[in-house]
Amino acid sequence: MHEPSLSPSHLAVKPEIVAFFDEPTNTISYIVKDPASNACAVIDSVMDIDYAAGRITFGGADRIIAHIRDKGWELEWLIETHVHADHLSAGPYIQKELGGKLAIGENITVVQETFGKIFNEGTGFQRDGSQFDRLFNDGDSYRIGTMGVRVLHTPGHTPACMTHVVGDAAFVGDTLFMPDGGSARADFPGGDARTLYRSIQRILSLPGETRLFMCHDYGPNGRDIQWETTVAEEREHNIHIGKGISEDEFVKMREARDAMLAVPRLIIPSLQVNMRAGQLPPADESGGTFLKVPVNIL
């Protein structure tokens, strides 16, 4: 793996960041704007679903679209930090309205292979990541306007998790939570607590002043929802990984905690949609679209 290193000039770049909190899924989506141009990216967008009614809507995505249009910004990228199991991506919907390239980590192919079997998708479902415009490898880079972005492979929660470092900011997906929230679960297919520990160490090796942006927050102990912290704060105060907790201590804690957690409420629709880059499954001969429910498998 490439070890992260940032030059002082890189840290001097401070992207403009606009956060959108989706209360039903406790997800934070972001617009990341280049301060030197009108270019921007959207990270971890949310498509709304009323699961009981089988109804898809786009209120949250429409707010992101409206903000970008109102500001006169130009969308260049739609980034998924990983294949989410707790919300559906609105990437294709936003892309249709504003353009931009849809991207995820290259290990989407591992996720597609795993869940393609679980959902019995057959040979018609492509497992090569071709639903996305770009697949990132560890250490890859791209640009949002004039800003350089580096991509770190940070698996453990899922095989495809990536952290995106943009100037003095890093978007960590579900790898880390706020310091009082700890870390993400590692018990999904392809997850691993020991791998997660090592990925977190990569993030914590970034400069202490690096701003970290979470994909989720649940307001532990009744506090207000938060999504921004720093590497230094996580090193010192994270309840699962701070103050030099050893790898073995973390793995023991994480595995015991994961064994007590319930399955995410939206895992079944989320995985089927997100492994397709946010697209719904193909319609059948009658024109209807359906999601599958695997029984006693997940």
C-alpha atoms as a PDB file:
ATOM      1  CA  MET A   1       0.000   0.000   0.000  1.00  0.00           C
ATOM      2  CA  HIS A   2       1.041   3.586  -0.611  1.00  0.00           C
ATOM      3  CA  GLU A   3       1.567   5.436   2.641  1.00  0.00           C
ATOM      4  CA  PRO A   4      -0.138   8.825   2.806  1.00  0.00           C
ATOM      5  CA  SER A   5       1.992  11.928   2.770  1.00  0.00           C
ATOM      6  CA  LEU A   6       0.890  15.497   2.308  1.00  0.00           C
ATOM      7  CA  SER A   7       3.034  18.482   1.473  1.00  0.00           C
ATOM      8  CA  PRO A   8       2.459  21.824   3.215  1.00  0.00           C
ATOM      9  CA  SER A   9       1.182  23.221  -0.103  1.00  0.00           C
ATOM     10  CA  HIS A  10      -1.403  20.434  -0.325  1.00  0.00           C
ATOM     11  CA  LEU A  11      -2.670  21.193   3.178  1.00  0.00           C
ATOM     12  CA  ALA A  12      -2.906  24.865   2.252  1.00  0.00           C
ATOM     13  CA  VAL A  13      -5.747  24.028  -0.156  1.00  0.00           C
ATOM     14  CA  LYS A  14      -9.023  24.309   1.747  1.00  0.00           C
ATOM     15  CA  PRO A  15     -11.972  23.070  -0.284  1.00  0.00           C
ATOM     16  CA  GLU A  16     -15.380  24.576   0.328  1.00  0.00           C
ATOM     17  CA  ILE A  17     -17.550  21.823   1.808  1.00  0.00           C
ATOM     18  CA  VAL A  18     -21.350  21.812   2.030  1.00  0.00           C
ATOM     19  CA  ALA A  19     -22.946  18.995   4.053  1.00  0.00           C
ATOM     20  CA  PHE A  20     -26.441  17.558   3.689  1.00  0.00           C
ATOM     21  CA  PHE A  21     -27.789  15.359   6.496  1.00  0.00           C
ATOM     22  CA  ASP A  22     -30.320  12.654   5.642  1.00  0.00           C
ATOM     23  CA  GLU A  23     -32.173  11.943   8.880  1.00  0.00           C
ATOM     24  CA  PRO A  24     -33.865   8.630   7.903  1.00  0.00           C
ATOM     25  CA  THR A  25     -30.487   6.995   7.216  1.00  0.00           C
ATOM     26  CA  ASN A  26     -28.201   9.191   9.367  1.00  0.00           C
ATOM     27  CA  THR A  27     -26.110   9.802   6.250  1.00  0.00           C
ATOM     28  CA  ILE A  28     -24.098  12.907   5.449  1.00  0.00           C
ATOM     29  CA  SER A  29     -23.622  13.728   1.767  1.00  0.00           C
ATOM     30  CA  TYR A  30     -21.166  16.398   0.649  1.00  0.00           C
ATOM     31  CA  ILE A  31     -20.560  18.892  -2.098  1.00  0.00           C
ATOM     32  CA  VAL A  32     -16.805  19.548  -2.317  1.00  0.00           C
ATOM     33  CA  LYS A  33     -16.044  22.797  -4.163  1.00  0.00           C
ATOM     34  CA  ASP A  34     -12.723  23.995  -5.579  1.00  0.00           C
ATOM     35  CA  PRO A  35     -12.110  27.486  -4.119  1.00  0.00           C
ATOM     36  CA  ALA A  36     -10.265  28.510  -7.294  1.00  0.00           C
ATOM     37  CA  SER A  37     -12.975  27.554  -9.809  1.00  0.00           C
ATOM     38  CA  ASN A  38     -16.633  26.541 -10.119  1.00  0.00           C
ATOM     39  CA  ALA A  39     -15.780  22.830 -10.194  1.00  0.00           C
ATOM     40  CA  CYS A  40     -17.241  20.543  -7.543  1.00  0.00           C
ATOM     41  CA  ALA A  41     -17.853  16.904  -6.619  1.00  0.00           C
ATOM     42  CA  VAL A  42     -20.654  15.156  -4.755  1.00  0.00           C
ATOM     43  CA  ILE A  43     -19.715  12.461  -2.240  1.00  0.00           C
ATOM     44  CA  ASP A  44     -22.110   9.730  -1.000  1.00  0.00           C
ATOM     45  CA  SER A  45     -25.468  11.000  -2.234  1.00  0.00           C
ATOM     46  CA  VAL A  46     -28.755   9.474  -0.995  1.00  0.00           C
ATOM     47  CA  MET A  47     -31.798   8.259  -2.913  1.00  0.00           C
ATOM     48  CA  ASP A  48     -34.947   8.181  -0.764  1.00  0.00           C
ATOM     49  CA  ILE A  49     -36.919   4.955  -0.398  1.00  0.00           C
ATOM     50  CA  ASP A  50     -40.145   4.140   1.403  1.00  0.00           C
ATOM     51  CA  TYR A  51     -39.328   0.462   1.761  1.00  0.00           C
ATOM     52  CA  ALA A  52     -42.755  -0.600   2.994  1.00  0.00           C
ATOM     53  CA  ALA A  53     -44.503   1.165   0.110  1.00  0.00           C
ATOM     54  CA  GLY A  54     -41.877   0.249  -2.487  1.00  0.00           C
ATOM     55  CA  ARG A  55     -41.558   3.885  -3.525  1.00  0.00           C
ATOM     56  CA  ILE A  56     -38.437   5.745  -4.659  1.00  0.00           C
ATOM     57  CA  THR A  57     -38.176   9.571  -4.417  1.00  0.00           C
ATOM     58  CA  PHE A  58     -35.373  12.112  -4.711  1.00  0.00           C
ATOM     59  CA  GLY A  59     -35.962  14.920  -2.213  1.00  0.00           C
ATOM     60  CA  GLY A  60     -32.456  14.785  -0.777  1.00  0.00           C
ATOM     61  CA  ALA A  61     -30.787  14.607  -4.176  1.00  0.00           C
ATOM     62  CA  ASP A  62     -32.910  17.485  -5.433  1.00  0.00           C
ATOM     63  CA  ARG A  63     -31.595  19.691  -2.614  1.00  0.00           C
ATOM     64  CA  ILE A  64     -28.024  18.945  -3.719  1.00  0.00           C
ATOM     65  CA  ILE A  65     -28.887  19.622  -7.359  1.00  0.00           C
ATOM     66  CA  ALA A  66     -30.617  22.893  -6.466  1.00  0.00           C
ATOM     67  CA  HIS A  67     -27.621  24.090  -4.430  1.00  0.00           C
ATOM     68  CA  ILE A  68     -25.174  23.395  -7.265  1.00  0.00           C
ATOM     69  CA  ARG A  69     -27.419  25.114  -9.817  1.00  0.00           C
ATOM     70  CA  ASP A  70     -28.115  28.102  -7.591  1.00  0.00           C
ATOM     71  CA  LYS A  71     -24.383  28.657  -7.097  1.00  0.00           C
ATOM     72  CA  GLY A  72     -23.562  28.159 -10.782  1.00  0.00           C
ATOM     73  CA  TRP A  73     -21.139  25.357  -9.975  1.00  0.00           C
ATOM     74  CA  GLU A  74     -20.069  22.602 -12.370  1.00  0.00           C
ATOM     75  CA  LEU A  75     -20.267  18.996 -11.209  1.00  0.00           C
ATOM     76  CA  GLU A  76     -17.247  16.944 -12.251  1.00  0.00           C
ATOM     77  CA  TRP A  77     -17.440  13.848 -10.030  1.00  0.00           C
ATOM     78  CA  LEU A  78     -19.969  11.728  -8.152  1.00  0.00           C
ATOM     79  CA  ILE A  79     -17.944   9.736  -5.621  1.00  0.00           C
ATOM     80  CA  GLU A  80     -19.041   6.676  -3.669  1.00  0.00           C
ATOM     81  CA  THR A  81     -16.689   5.972  -0.775  1.00  0.00           C
ATOM     82  CA  HIS A  82     -17.954   2.352  -0.757  1.00  0.00           C
ATOM     83  CA  VAL A  83     -20.992   0.179  -1.485  1.00  0.00           C
ATOM     84  CA  HIS A  84     -23.361   1.372   1.219  1.00  0.00           C
ATOM     85  CA  ALA A  85     -25.577  -1.106   3.086  1.00  0.00           C
ATOM     86  CA  ASP A  86     -27.742   1.495   4.824  1.00  0.00           C
ATOM     87  CA  HIS A  87     -28.827   3.885   2.073  1.00  0.00           C
ATOM     88  CA  LEU A  88     -29.337   3.909  -1.684  1.00  0.00           C
ATOM     89  CA  SER A  89     -27.139   6.042  -3.927  1.00  0.00           C
ATOM     90  CA  ALA A  90     -28.652   8.881  -5.960  1.00  0.00           C
ATOM     91  CA  GLY A  91     -25.568   9.061  -8.186  1.00  0.00           C
ATOM     92  CA  PRO A  92     -27.252   8.259 -11.527  1.00  0.00           C
ATOM     93  CA  TYR A  93     -30.140  10.649 -10.815  1.00  0.00           C
ATOM     94  CA  ILE A  94     -27.790  13.555 -10.082  1.00  0.00           C
ATOM     95  CA  GLN A  95     -25.570  12.608 -13.017  1.00  0.00           C
ATOM     96  CA  LYS A  96     -28.549  12.775 -15.384  1.00  0.00           C
ATOM     97  CA  GLU A  97     -29.308  16.303 -14.182  1.00  0.00           C
ATOM     98  CA  LEU A  98     -25.792  17.738 -13.855  1.00  0.00           C
ATOM     99  CA  GLY A  99     -23.306  15.433 -15.558  1.00  0.00           C
ATOM    100  CA  GLY A 100     -20.061  14.318 -13.907  1.00  0.00           C
ATOM    101  CA  LYS A 101     -18.273  10.979 -13.689  1.00  0.00           C
ATOM    102  CA  LEU A 102     -19.456   8.276 -11.278  1.00  0.00           C
ATOM    103  CA  ALA A 103     -16.597   6.581  -9.421  1.00  0.00           C
ATOM    104  CA  ILE A 104     -15.829   4.001  -6.719  1.00  0.00           C
ATOM    105  CA  GLY A 105     -12.932   1.787  -5.597  1.00  0.00           C
ATOM    106  CA  GLU A 106     -11.793  -1.041  -7.867  1.00  0.00           C
ATOM    107  CA  ASN A 107     -12.836  -3.690  -5.344  1.00  0.00           C
ATOM    108  CA  ILE A 108     -16.438  -3.023  -6.287  1.00  0.00           C
ATOM    109  CA  THR A 109     -15.851  -6.148  -8.376  1.00  0.00           C
ATOM    110  CA  VAL A 110     -15.368  -8.191  -5.179  1.00  0.00           C
ATOM    111  CA  VAL A 111     -18.615  -6.803  -3.761  1.00  0.00           C
ATOM    112  CA  GLN A 112     -20.445  -7.470  -7.036  1.00  0.00           C
ATOM    113  CA  GLU A 113     -19.225 -11.054  -7.132  1.00  0.00           C
ATOM    114  CA  THR A 114     -20.223 -11.684  -3.510  1.00  0.00           C
ATOM    115  CA  PHE A 115     -23.673 -10.131  -3.636  1.00  0.00           C
ATOM    116  CA  GLY A 116     -24.366 -11.156  -7.198  1.00  0.00           C
ATOM    117  CA  LYS A 117     -24.418 -14.700  -5.831  1.00  0.00           C
ATOM    118  CA  ILE A 118     -26.406 -13.823  -2.712  1.00  0.00           C
ATOM    119  CA  PHE A 119     -29.108 -12.124  -4.789  1.00  0.00           C
ATOM    120  CA  ASN A 120     -28.950 -14.802  -7.496  1.00  0.00           C
ATOM    121  CA  GLU A 121     -28.409 -12.202 -10.211  1.00  0.00           C
ATOM    122  CA  GLY A 122     -27.335 -14.640 -12.927  1.00  0.00           C
ATOM    123  CA  THR A 123     -25.083 -13.959 -15.890  1.00  0.00           C
ATOM    124  CA  GLY A 124     -26.912 -10.795 -16.943  1.00  0.00           C
ATOM    125  CA  PHE A 125     -25.433  -8.843 -14.032  1.00  0.00           C
ATOM    126  CA  GLN A 126     -21.990  -7.490 -14.894  1.00  0.00           C
ATOM    127  CA  ARG A 127     -19.422  -8.041 -12.137  1.00  0.00           C
ATOM    128  CA  ASP A 128     -16.602  -5.973 -13.662  1.00  0.00           C
ATOM    129  CA  GLY A 129     -17.484  -2.544 -12.262  1.00  0.00           C
ATOM    130  CA  SER A 130     -18.522  -1.334 -15.720  1.00  0.00           C
ATOM    131  CA  GLN A 131     -21.589   0.396 -14.243  1.00  0.00           C
ATOM    132  CA  PHE A 132     -19.179   3.114 -13.028  1.00  0.00           C
ATOM    133  CA  ASP A 133     -17.214   5.610 -15.103  1.00  0.00           C
ATOM    134  CA  ARG A 134     -14.013   5.096 -13.121  1.00  0.00           C
ATOM    135  CA  LEU A 135     -12.627   2.571 -10.646  1.00  0.00           C
ATOM    136  CA  PHE A 136      -9.939   3.863  -8.286  1.00  0.00           C
ATOM    137  CA  ASN A 137      -6.842   1.949  -7.199  1.00  0.00           C
ATOM    138  CA  ASP A 138      -4.916   2.661  -4.010  1.00  0.00           C
ATOM    139  CA  GLY A 139      -2.769   5.747  -4.538  1.00  0.00           C
ATOM    140  CA  ASP A 140      -4.674   7.005  -7.579  1.00  0.00           C
ATOM    141  CA  SER A 141      -5.276  10.711  -8.075  1.00  0.00           C
ATOM    142  CA  TYR A 142      -7.799  12.871  -9.895  1.00  0.00           C
ATOM    143  CA  ARG A 143      -8.766  16.541  -9.973  1.00  0.00           C
ATOM    144  CA  ILE A 144     -11.740  18.634  -8.943  1.00  0.00           C
ATOM    145  CA  GLY A 145     -11.050  21.804 -10.905  1.00  0.00           C
ATOM    146  CA  THR A 146      -7.568  22.878  -9.802  1.00  0.00           C
ATOM    147  CA  MET A 147      -7.554  20.677  -6.678  1.00  0.00           C
ATOM    148  CA  GLY A 148      -5.681  17.397  -6.649  1.00  0.00           C
ATOM    149  CA  VAL A 149      -7.369  14.479  -4.889  1.00  0.00           C
ATOM    150  CA  ARG A 150      -5.580  11.341  -3.655  1.00  0.00           C
ATOM    151  CA  VAL A 151      -7.351   8.069  -3.045  1.00  0.00           C
ATOM    152  CA  LEU A 152      -6.407   5.653  -0.258  1.00  0.00           C
ATOM    153  CA  HIS A 153      -7.730   2.098  -0.140  1.00  0.00           C
ATOM    154  CA  THR A 154      -9.065   1.702   3.410  1.00  0.00           C
ATOM    155  CA  PRO A 155     -10.906  -1.659   3.518  1.00  0.00           C
ATOM    156  CA  GLY A 156     -12.232  -3.522   6.533  1.00  0.00           C
ATOM    157  CA  HIS A 157     -15.799  -2.257   6.681  1.00  0.00           C
ATOM    158  CA  THR A 158     -16.144  -3.427   3.063  1.00  0.00           C
ATOM    159  CA  PRO A 159     -13.507  -4.509   0.515  1.00  0.00           C
ATOM    160  CA  ALA A 160     -14.114  -1.446  -1.672  1.00  0.00           C
ATOM    161  CA  CYS A 161     -13.828   1.326   0.961  1.00  0.00           C
ATOM    162  CA  MET A 162     -11.733   4.302  -0.138  1.00  0.00           C
ATOM    163  CA  THR A 163     -10.714   7.524   1.603  1.00  0.00           C
ATOM    164  CA  HIS A 164     -10.503  10.646  -0.581  1.00  0.00           C
ATOM    165  CA  VAL A 165      -7.977  13.288   0.494  1.00  0.00           C
ATOM    166  CA  VAL A 166      -8.745  16.745  -0.936  1.00  0.00           C
ATOM    167  CA  GLY A 167      -6.432  19.500   0.235  1.00  0.00           C
ATOM    168  CA  ASP A 168      -6.715  19.679   4.028  1.00  0.00           C
ATOM    169  CA  ALA A 169      -9.832  17.455   4.071  1.00  0.00           C
ATOM    170  CA  ALA A 170     -10.371  13.686   3.954  1.00  0.00           C
ATOM    171  CA  PHE A 171     -13.654  11.886   3.350  1.00  0.00           C
ATOM    172  CA  VAL A 172     -13.458   8.598   5.217  1.00  0.00           C
ATOM    173  CA  GLY A 173     -16.792   6.949   4.396  1.00  0.00           C
ATOM    174  CA  ASP A 174     -17.735   4.483   7.133  1.00  0.00           C
ATOM    175  CA  THR A 175     -14.165   3.609   8.144  1.00  0.00           C
ATOM    176  CA  LEU A 176     -14.324   6.022  11.086  1.00  0.00           C
ATOM    177  CA  PHE A 177     -17.062   7.784  13.041  1.00  0.00           C
ATOM    178  CA  MET A 178     -16.806  10.866  15.229  1.00  0.00           C
ATOM    179  CA  PRO A 179     -14.524  10.286  18.254  1.00  0.00           C
ATOM    180  CA  ASP A 180     -17.428   9.407  20.545  1.00  0.00           C
ATOM    181  CA  GLY A 181     -18.874   7.088  17.873  1.00  0.00           C
ATOM    182  CA  GLY A 182     -15.797   4.944  17.336  1.00  0.00           C
ATOM    183  CA  SER A 183     -15.547   2.838  14.211  1.00  0.00           C
ATOM    184  CA  ALA A 184     -17.693   1.033  11.661  1.00  0.00           C
ATOM    185  CA  ARG A 185     -18.751  -2.594  11.848  1.00  0.00           C
ATOM    186  CA  ALA A 186     -16.591  -5.152  10.052  1.00  0.00           C
ATOM    187  CA  ASP A 187     -18.908  -8.177   9.869  1.00  0.00           C
ATOM    188  CA  PHE A 188     -20.417  -7.761   6.407  1.00  0.00           C
ATOM    189  CA  PRO A 189     -19.264 -10.269   3.740  1.00  0.00           C
ATOM    190  CA  GLY A 190     -15.730  -9.210   2.827  1.00  0.00           C
ATOM    191  CA  GLY A 191     -15.292  -7.156   6.008  1.00  0.00           C
ATOM    192  CA  ASP A 192     -12.548  -7.814   8.539  1.00  0.00           C
ATOM    193  CA  ALA A 193     -11.783  -6.150  11.881  1.00  0.00           C
ATOM    194  CA  ARG A 194      -8.016  -6.553  11.628  1.00  0.00           C
ATOM    195  CA  THR A 195      -8.002  -5.029   8.163  1.00  0.00           C
ATOM    196  CA  LEU A 196     -10.187  -2.193   9.439  1.00  0.00           C
ATOM    197  CA  TYR A 197      -7.701  -1.431  12.232  1.00  0.00           C
ATOM    198  CA  ARG A 198      -4.869  -1.144   9.722  1.00  0.00           C
ATOM    199  CA  SER A 199      -6.926   1.066   7.431  1.00  0.00           C
ATOM    200  CA  ILE A 200      -7.739   3.393  10.326  1.00  0.00           C
ATOM    201  CA  GLN A 201      -4.032   3.649  11.104  1.00  0.00           C
ATOM    202  CA  ARG A 202      -3.424   4.830   7.539  1.00  0.00           C
ATOM    203  CA  ILE A 203      -5.973   7.607   8.028  1.00  0.00           C
ATOM    204  CA  LEU A 204      -4.525   8.537  11.414  1.00  0.00           C
ATOM    205  CA  SER A 205      -1.057   8.843   9.858  1.00  0.00           C
ATOM    206  CA  LEU A 206      -2.246  11.886   7.928  1.00  0.00           C
ATOM    207  CA  PRO A 207      -1.226  15.262   9.435  1.00  0.00           C
ATOM    208  CA  GLY A 208      -3.040  16.009  12.678  1.00  0.00           C
ATOM    209  CA  GLU A 209      -4.724  19.125  11.334  1.00  0.00           C
ATOM    210  CA  THR A 210      -6.338  17.226   8.457  1.00  0.00           C
ATOM    211  CA  ARG A 211     -10.122  17.655   8.619  1.00  0.00           C
ATOM    212  CA  LEU A 212     -12.036  14.367   8.568  1.00  0.00           C
ATOM    213  CA  PHE A 213     -15.587  14.127   7.261  1.00  0.00           C
ATOM    214  CA  MET A 214     -17.850  11.241   8.276  1.00  0.00           C
ATOM    215  CA  CYS A 215     -20.460   9.493   6.141  1.00  0.00           C
ATOM    216  CA  HIS A 216     -22.680   8.771   9.178  1.00  0.00           C
ATOM    217  CA  ASP A 217     -23.405  10.094  12.637  1.00  0.00           C
ATOM    218  CA  TYR A 218     -25.933   8.830  15.181  1.00  0.00           C
ATOM    219  CA  GLY A 219     -25.662  11.448  17.931  1.00  0.00           C
ATOM    220  CA  PRO A 220     -24.274   9.226  20.729  1.00  0.00           C
ATOM    221  CA  ASN A 221     -25.633  10.003  24.196  1.00  0.00           C
ATOM    222  CA  GLY A 222     -28.159  12.425  22.735  1.00  0.00           C
ATOM    223  CA  ARG A 223     -25.719  15.022  21.398  1.00  0.00           C
ATOM    224  CA  ASP A 224     -26.447  16.986  18.224  1.00  0.00           C
ATOM    225  CA  ILE A 225     -25.478  15.406  14.900  1.00  0.00           C
ATOM    226  CA  GLN A 226     -21.869  16.144  13.900  1.00  0.00           C
ATOM    227  CA  TRP A 227     -19.734  15.125  10.937  1.00  0.00           C
ATOM    228  CA  GLU A 228     -16.425  16.987  11.053  1.00  0.00           C
ATOM    229  CA  THR A 229     -13.405  16.317  13.249  1.00  0.00           C
ATOM    230  CA  THR A 230      -9.611  16.120  12.793  1.00  0.00           C
ATOM    231  CA  VAL A 231      -6.965  13.439  12.706  1.00  0.00           C
ATOM    232  CA  ALA A 232      -5.554  14.794  15.976  1.00  0.00           C
ATOM    233  CA  GLU A 233      -8.946  14.554  17.690  1.00  0.00           C
ATOM    234  CA  GLU A 234      -9.437  10.979  16.493  1.00  0.00           C
ATOM    235  CA  ARG A 235      -5.946   9.935  17.625  1.00  0.00           C
ATOM    236  CA  GLU A 236      -6.579  11.294  21.102  1.00  0.00           C
ATOM    237  CA  HIS A 237     -10.269  10.732  21.756  1.00  0.00           C
ATOM    238  CA  ASN A 238     -11.719   8.010  19.515  1.00  0.00           C
ATOM    239  CA  ILE A 239     -13.371   5.514  21.882  1.00  0.00           C
ATOM    240  CA  HIS A 240     -12.402   2.491  19.771  1.00  0.00           C
ATOM    241  CA  ILE A 241      -9.015   3.389  18.374  1.00  0.00           C
ATOM    242  CA  GLY A 242      -7.589   6.390  20.250  1.00  0.00           C
ATOM    243  CA  LYS A 243      -4.679   6.625  22.691  1.00  0.00           C
ATOM    244  CA  GLY A 244      -2.713   3.816  21.084  1.00  0.00           C
ATOM    245  CA  ILE A 245      -5.206   0.939  21.407  1.00  0.00           C
ATOM    246  CA  SER A 246      -3.470  -2.163  20.046  1.00  0.00           C
ATOM    247  CA  GLU A 247      -4.593  -4.123  17.012  1.00  0.00           C
ATOM    248  CA  ASP A 248      -5.506  -7.180  19.092  1.00  0.00           C
ATOM    249  CA  GLU A 249      -7.498  -5.064  21.562  1.00  0.00           C
ATOM    250  CA  PHE A 250      -9.398  -3.439  18.719  1.00  0.00           C
ATOM    251  CA  VAL A 251     -10.163  -6.733  16.965  1.00  0.00           C
ATOM    252  CA  LYS A 252     -11.462  -8.289  20.188  1.00  0.00           C
ATOM    253  CA  MET A 253     -13.705  -5.285  20.850  1.00  0.00           C
ATOM    254  CA  ARG A 254     -14.910  -4.935  17.252  1.00  0.00           C
ATOM    255  CA  GLU A 255     -15.796  -8.608  16.797  1.00  0.00           C
ATOM    256  CA  ALA A 256     -17.655  -8.776  20.110  1.00  0.00           C
ATOM    257  CA  ARG A 257     -19.551  -5.581  19.305  1.00  0.00           C
ATOM    258  CA  ASP A 258     -20.425  -6.677  15.773  1.00  0.00           C
ATOM    259  CA  ALA A 259     -21.915  -9.919  17.073  1.00  0.00           C
ATOM    260  CA  MET A 260     -24.517  -7.838  18.934  1.00  0.00           C
ATOM    261  CA  LEU A 261     -25.522  -5.534  16.071  1.00  0.00           C
ATOM    262  CA  ALA A 262     -28.747  -5.862  14.115  1.00  0.00           C
ATOM    263  CA  VAL A 263     -28.782  -6.059  10.326  1.00  0.00           C
ATOM    264  CA  PRO A 264     -29.188  -2.556   8.792  1.00  0.00           C
ATOM    265  CA  ARG A 265     -32.827  -1.796   7.975  1.00  0.00           C
ATOM    266  CA  LEU A 266     -32.173  -1.002   4.305  1.00  0.00           C
ATOM    267  CA  ILE A 267     -29.431  -3.525   3.586  1.00  0.00           C
ATOM    268  CA  ILE A 268     -31.463  -5.561   1.065  1.00  0.00           C
ATOM    269  CA  PRO A 269     -32.487  -2.731  -1.281  1.00  0.00           C
ATOM    270  CA  SER A 270     -29.244  -0.821  -0.704  1.00  0.00           C
ATOM    271  CA  LEU A 271     -26.904  -3.584  -1.811  1.00  0.00           C
ATOM    272  CA  GLN A 272     -28.941  -4.510  -4.875  1.00  0.00           C
ATOM    273  CA  VAL A 273     -29.020  -0.892  -6.040  1.00  0.00           C
ATOM    274  CA  ASN A 274     -25.572   0.283  -4.973  1.00  0.00           C
ATOM    275  CA  MET A 275     -23.662  -2.623  -6.520  1.00  0.00           C
ATOM    276  CA  ARG A 276     -25.267  -1.369  -9.762  1.00  0.00           C
ATOM    277  CA  ALA A 277     -23.880   2.155  -9.205  1.00  0.00           C
ATOM    278  CA  GLY A 278     -27.260   3.390  -7.972  1.00  0.00           C
ATOM    279  CA  GLN A 279     -29.351   1.895 -10.759  1.00  0.00           C
ATOM    280  CA  LEU A 280     -32.451  -0.156 -10.018  1.00  0.00           C
ATOM    281  CA  PRO A 281     -32.522  -3.763 -11.282  1.00  0.00           C
ATOM    282  CA  PRO A 282     -33.659  -4.141 -14.907  1.00  0.00           C
ATOM    283  CA  ALA A 283     -37.412  -4.136 -15.482  1.00  0.00           C
ATOM    284  CA  ASP A 284     -39.082  -7.442 -16.312  1.00  0.00           C
ATOM    285  CA  GLU A 285     -41.143  -8.239 -19.415  1.00  0.00           C
ATOM    286  CA  SER A 286     -44.150  -6.345 -18.032  1.00  0.00           C
ATOM    287  CA  GLY A 287     -42.097  -3.226 -17.305  1.00  0.00           C
ATOM    288  CA  GLY A 288     -42.114  -3.685 -13.535  1.00  0.00           C
ATOM    289  CA  THR A 289     -39.012  -3.266 -11.366  1.00  0.00           C
ATOM    290  CA  PHE A 290     -38.489  -5.582  -8.410  1.00  0.00           C
ATOM    291  CA  LEU A 291     -36.016  -6.115  -5.585  1.00  0.00           C
ATOM    292  CA  LYS A 292     -35.255  -9.586  -4.241  1.00  0.00           C
ATOM    293  CA  VAL A 293     -35.350 -10.700  -0.611  1.00  0.00           C
ATOM    294  CA  PRO A 294     -32.891 -13.552   0.045  1.00  0.00           C
ATOM    295  CA  VAL A 295     -34.221 -15.721   2.872  1.00  0.00           C
ATOM    296  CA  ASN A 296     -31.877 -16.945   5.649  1.00  0.00           C
ATOM    297  CA  ILE A 297     -28.782 -15.933   3.658  1.00  0.00           C
ATOM    298  CA  LEU A 298     -27.649 -12.508   4.874  1.00  0.00           C
END
